[in-house]
C-alpha atoms as a PDB file:
ATOM      1  CA  MET A   1     116.215 -19.018-131.087  1.00  0.00           C
ATOM      2  CA  SER A   2     118.674 -16.399-133.013  1.00  0.00           C
ATOM      3  CA  VAL A   3     118.444 -13.979-130.049  1.00  0.00           C
ATOM      4  CA  ILE A   4     119.522 -17.080-127.733  1.00  0.00           C
ATOM      5  CA  ARG A   5     122.301 -18.445-130.379  1.00  0.00           C
ATOM      6  CA  ALA A   6     123.626 -14.977-131.086  1.00  0.00           C
ATOM      7  CA  PRO A   7     126.118 -14.733-128.203  1.00  0.00           C
ATOM      8  CA  TYR A   8     127.468 -18.295-128.391  1.00  0.00           C
ATOM      9  CA  GLN A   9     127.817 -17.714-132.246  1.00  0.00           C
ATOM     10  CA  LYS A  10     130.221 -14.909-131.470  1.00  0.00           C
ATOM     11  CA  LYS A  11     131.918 -16.937-129.042  1.00  0.00           C
ATOM     12  CA  ILE A  12     132.581 -19.781-131.315  1.00  0.00           C
ATOM     13  CA  GLN A  13     134.192 -17.847-134.052  1.00  0.00           C
ATOM     14  CA  ARG A  14     137.362 -17.194-132.055  1.00  0.00           C
ATOM     15  CA  ASN A  15     137.786 -21.181-131.753  1.00  0.00           C
ATOM     16  CA  VAL A  16     139.995 -22.833-134.521  1.00  0.00           C
ATOM     17  CA  ILE A  17     138.255 -25.579-136.295  1.00  0.00           C
ATOM     18  CA  VAL A  18     140.185 -28.879-136.561  1.00  0.00           C
ATOM     19  CA  ASP A  19     137.739 -31.123-138.205  1.00  0.00           C
ATOM     20  CA  ASP A  20     134.948 -30.196-140.366  1.00  0.00           C
ATOM     21  CA  ARG A  21     132.537 -33.097-140.245  1.00  0.00           C
ATOM     22  CA  LYS A  22     129.808 -31.610-142.423  1.00  0.00           C
ATOM     23  CA  THR A  23     128.007 -33.969-145.083  1.00  0.00           C
ATOM     24  CA  SER A  24     125.948 -32.947-148.121  1.00  0.00           C
ATOM     25  CA  GLN A  25     123.059 -34.876-146.260  1.00  0.00           C
ATOM     26  CA  GLU A  26     123.621 -32.688-143.121  1.00  0.00           C
ATOM     27  CA  ARG A  27     123.610 -29.439-145.674  1.00  0.00           C
ATOM     28  CA  GLY A  28     120.557 -30.751-147.294  1.00  0.00           C
ATOM     29  CA  LEU A  29     118.616 -30.914-143.988  1.00  0.00           C
ATOM     30  CA  LEU A  30     119.410 -27.688-142.857  1.00  0.00           C
ATOM     31  CA  LEU A  31     118.040 -26.338-146.192  1.00  0.00           C
ATOM     32  CA  PHE A  32     114.790 -28.185-145.249  1.00  0.00           C
ATOM     33  CA  VAL A  33     115.213 -26.285-141.639  1.00  0.00           C
ATOM     34  CA  LEU A  34     115.480 -22.827-143.385  1.00  0.00           C
ATOM     35  CA  LEU A  35     112.481 -23.382-145.813  1.00  0.00           C
ATOM     36  CA  GLY A  36     110.162 -24.448-142.510  1.00  0.00           C
ATOM     37  CA  ILE A  37     111.380 -21.980-140.300  1.00  0.00           C
ATOM     38  CA  PHE A  38     111.301 -18.871-142.536  1.00  0.00           C
ATOM     39  CA  ILE A  39     110.173 -19.256-146.355  1.00  0.00           C
ATOM     40  CA  LEU A  40     107.037 -20.945-145.541  1.00  0.00           C
ATOM     41  CA  PRO A  41     105.838 -18.629-142.746  1.00  0.00           C
ATOM     42  CA  ILE A  42     106.944 -15.564-145.127  1.00  0.00           C
ATOM     43  CA  ILE A  43     104.676 -17.124-148.123  1.00  0.00           C
ATOM     44  CA  TYR A  44     101.980 -18.095-145.595  1.00  0.00           C
ATOM     45  CA  ILE A  45     101.600 -14.148-144.335  1.00  0.00           C
ATOM     46  CA  PHE A  46     101.874 -12.532-148.086  1.00  0.00           C
ATOM     47  CA  THR A  47     100.447 -14.852-150.091  1.00  0.00           C
ATOM     48  CA  PRO A  48      96.855 -16.615-150.230  1.00  0.00           C
ATOM     49  CA  TRP A  49      98.684 -19.892-151.523  1.00  0.00           C
ATOM     50  CA  LEU A  50      98.636 -21.902-148.217  1.00  0.00           C
ATOM     51  CA  GLY A  51      95.155 -20.593-147.268  1.00  0.00           C
ATOM     52  CA  PHE A  52      93.786 -24.065-147.196  1.00  0.00           C
ATOM     53  CA  ALA A  53      95.652 -24.835-144.088  1.00  0.00           C
ATOM     54  CA  ASP A  54      93.953 -22.487-142.006  1.00  0.00           C
ATOM     55  CA  TYR A  55      91.966 -23.733-139.040  1.00  0.00           C
ATOM     56  CA  SER A  56      90.831 -22.826-135.571  1.00  0.00           C
ATOM     57  CA  LEU A  57      92.030 -24.398-132.466  1.00  0.00           C
ATOM     58  CA  PRO A  58      90.475 -24.610-128.991  1.00  0.00           C
ATOM     59  CA  SER A  59      91.922 -21.927-126.833  1.00  0.00           C
ATOM     60  CA  TRP A  60      93.545 -24.617-124.630  1.00  0.00           C
ATOM     61  CA  ALA A  61      95.666 -26.154-127.395  1.00  0.00           C
ATOM     62  CA  ASN A  62      96.780 -22.342-127.887  1.00  0.00           C
ATOM     63  CA  ALA A  63      97.714 -22.355-124.239  1.00  0.00           C
ATOM     64  CA  LEU A  64      99.680 -25.925-124.231  1.00  0.00           C
ATOM     65  CA  GLY A  65     101.301 -24.715-127.681  1.00  0.00           C
ATOM     66  CA  VAL A  66     102.599 -21.754-125.740  1.00  0.00           C
ATOM     67  CA  CYS A  67     103.846 -23.427-122.581  1.00  0.00           C
ATOM     68  CA  LEU A  68     105.381 -26.297-124.833  1.00  0.00           C
ATOM     69  CA  LEU A  69     107.365 -23.429-126.662  1.00  0.00           C
ATOM     70  CA  ALA A  70     108.388 -21.542-123.812  1.00  0.00           C
ATOM     71  CA  ILE A  71     109.857 -25.225-122.183  1.00  0.00           C
ATOM     72  CA  SER A  72     111.380 -25.769-125.331  1.00  0.00           C
ATOM     73  CA  LEU A  73     113.253 -22.377-125.609  1.00  0.00           C
ATOM     74  CA  TRP A  74     114.477 -22.902-122.088  1.00  0.00           C
ATOM     75  CA  VAL A  75     115.851 -26.206-123.160  1.00  0.00           C
ATOM     76  CA  PHE A  76     117.248 -24.776-126.156  1.00  0.00           C
ATOM     77  CA  TRP A  77     118.930 -22.102-123.950  1.00  0.00           C
ATOM     78  CA  LEU A  78     120.477 -24.472-121.541  1.00  0.00           C
ATOM     79  CA  SER A  79     121.855 -26.724-123.944  1.00  0.00           C
ATOM     80  CA  HIS A  80     123.697 -23.870-125.614  1.00  0.00           C
ATOM     81  CA  HIS A  81     124.998 -22.843-122.164  1.00  0.00           C
ATOM     82  CA  ASP A  82     126.191 -25.884-121.127  1.00  0.00           C
ATOM     83  CA  LEU A  83     127.900 -26.425-124.205  1.00  0.00           C
ATOM     84  CA  GLY A  84     129.565 -23.158-124.137  1.00  0.00           C
ATOM     85  CA  THR A  85     132.525 -22.938-126.793  1.00  0.00           C
ATOM     86  CA  ASN A  86     131.754 -26.602-127.892  1.00  0.00           C
ATOM     87  CA  TRP A  87     128.630 -25.572-129.393  1.00  0.00           C
ATOM     88  CA  SER A  88     128.358 -25.658-133.140  1.00  0.00           C
ATOM     89  CA  PRO A  89     125.311 -25.199-135.367  1.00  0.00           C
ATOM     90  CA  THR A  90     126.933 -28.054-137.484  1.00  0.00           C
ATOM     91  CA  LEU A  91     129.349 -30.907-136.988  1.00  0.00           C
ATOM     92  CA  LEU A  92     132.571 -29.262-136.377  1.00  0.00           C
ATOM     93  CA  VAL A  93     135.445 -30.307-134.048  1.00  0.00           C
ATOM     94  CA  ARG A  94     137.037 -27.251-132.671  1.00  0.00           C
ATOM     95  CA  GLN A  95     140.339 -26.728-130.987  1.00  0.00           C
ATOM     96  CA  ASN A  96     140.046 -27.997-127.214  1.00  0.00           C
ATOM     97  CA  HIS A  97     137.096 -29.624-127.597  1.00  0.00           C
ATOM     98  CA  SER A  98     135.490 -31.852-124.939  1.00  0.00           C
ATOM     99  CA  LEU A  99     133.047 -33.847-123.994  1.00  0.00           C
ATOM    100  CA  ILE A 100     129.990 -32.343-121.992  1.00  0.00           C
ATOM    101  CA  THR A 101     128.723 -34.543-119.387  1.00  0.00           C
ATOM    102  CA  GLU A 102     127.420 -31.980-117.006  1.00  0.00           C
ATOM    103  CA  GLY A 103     123.999 -29.848-117.003  1.00  0.00           C
ATOM    104  CA  ILE A 104     121.509 -30.934-119.442  1.00  0.00           C
ATOM    105  CA  TYR A 105     123.653 -33.490-121.141  1.00  0.00           C
ATOM    106  CA  ARG A 106     124.113 -35.096-117.658  1.00  0.00           C
ATOM    107  CA  LYS A 107     120.584 -35.787-117.418  1.00  0.00           C
ATOM    108  CA  ILE A 108     120.043 -36.673-121.361  1.00  0.00           C
ATOM    109  CA  ARG A 109     122.520 -38.963-121.469  1.00  0.00           C
END
């Protein structure tokens, strides 16, 4: 995800923010995402605290998980690509912001 996001993060830094609509609820939710994506896996790897959650999956479930991950990363990249300079990790309105109705957003709408 970070590799996909990096080029778009650079592009949007040049855009002037017109309206910042981040709320405390959004900041709290982003904190939970950080907890689930980074902090809990690090705790799982380096401590035995989450050992009770260990279980084995059948090989077909692992293969299905890898396929779903690949599809979700492709959709993630496609959404960033289609948004271009309109992309933002939070709700920010930038100068020359426009509604995207092409690409994946045409299909989702």
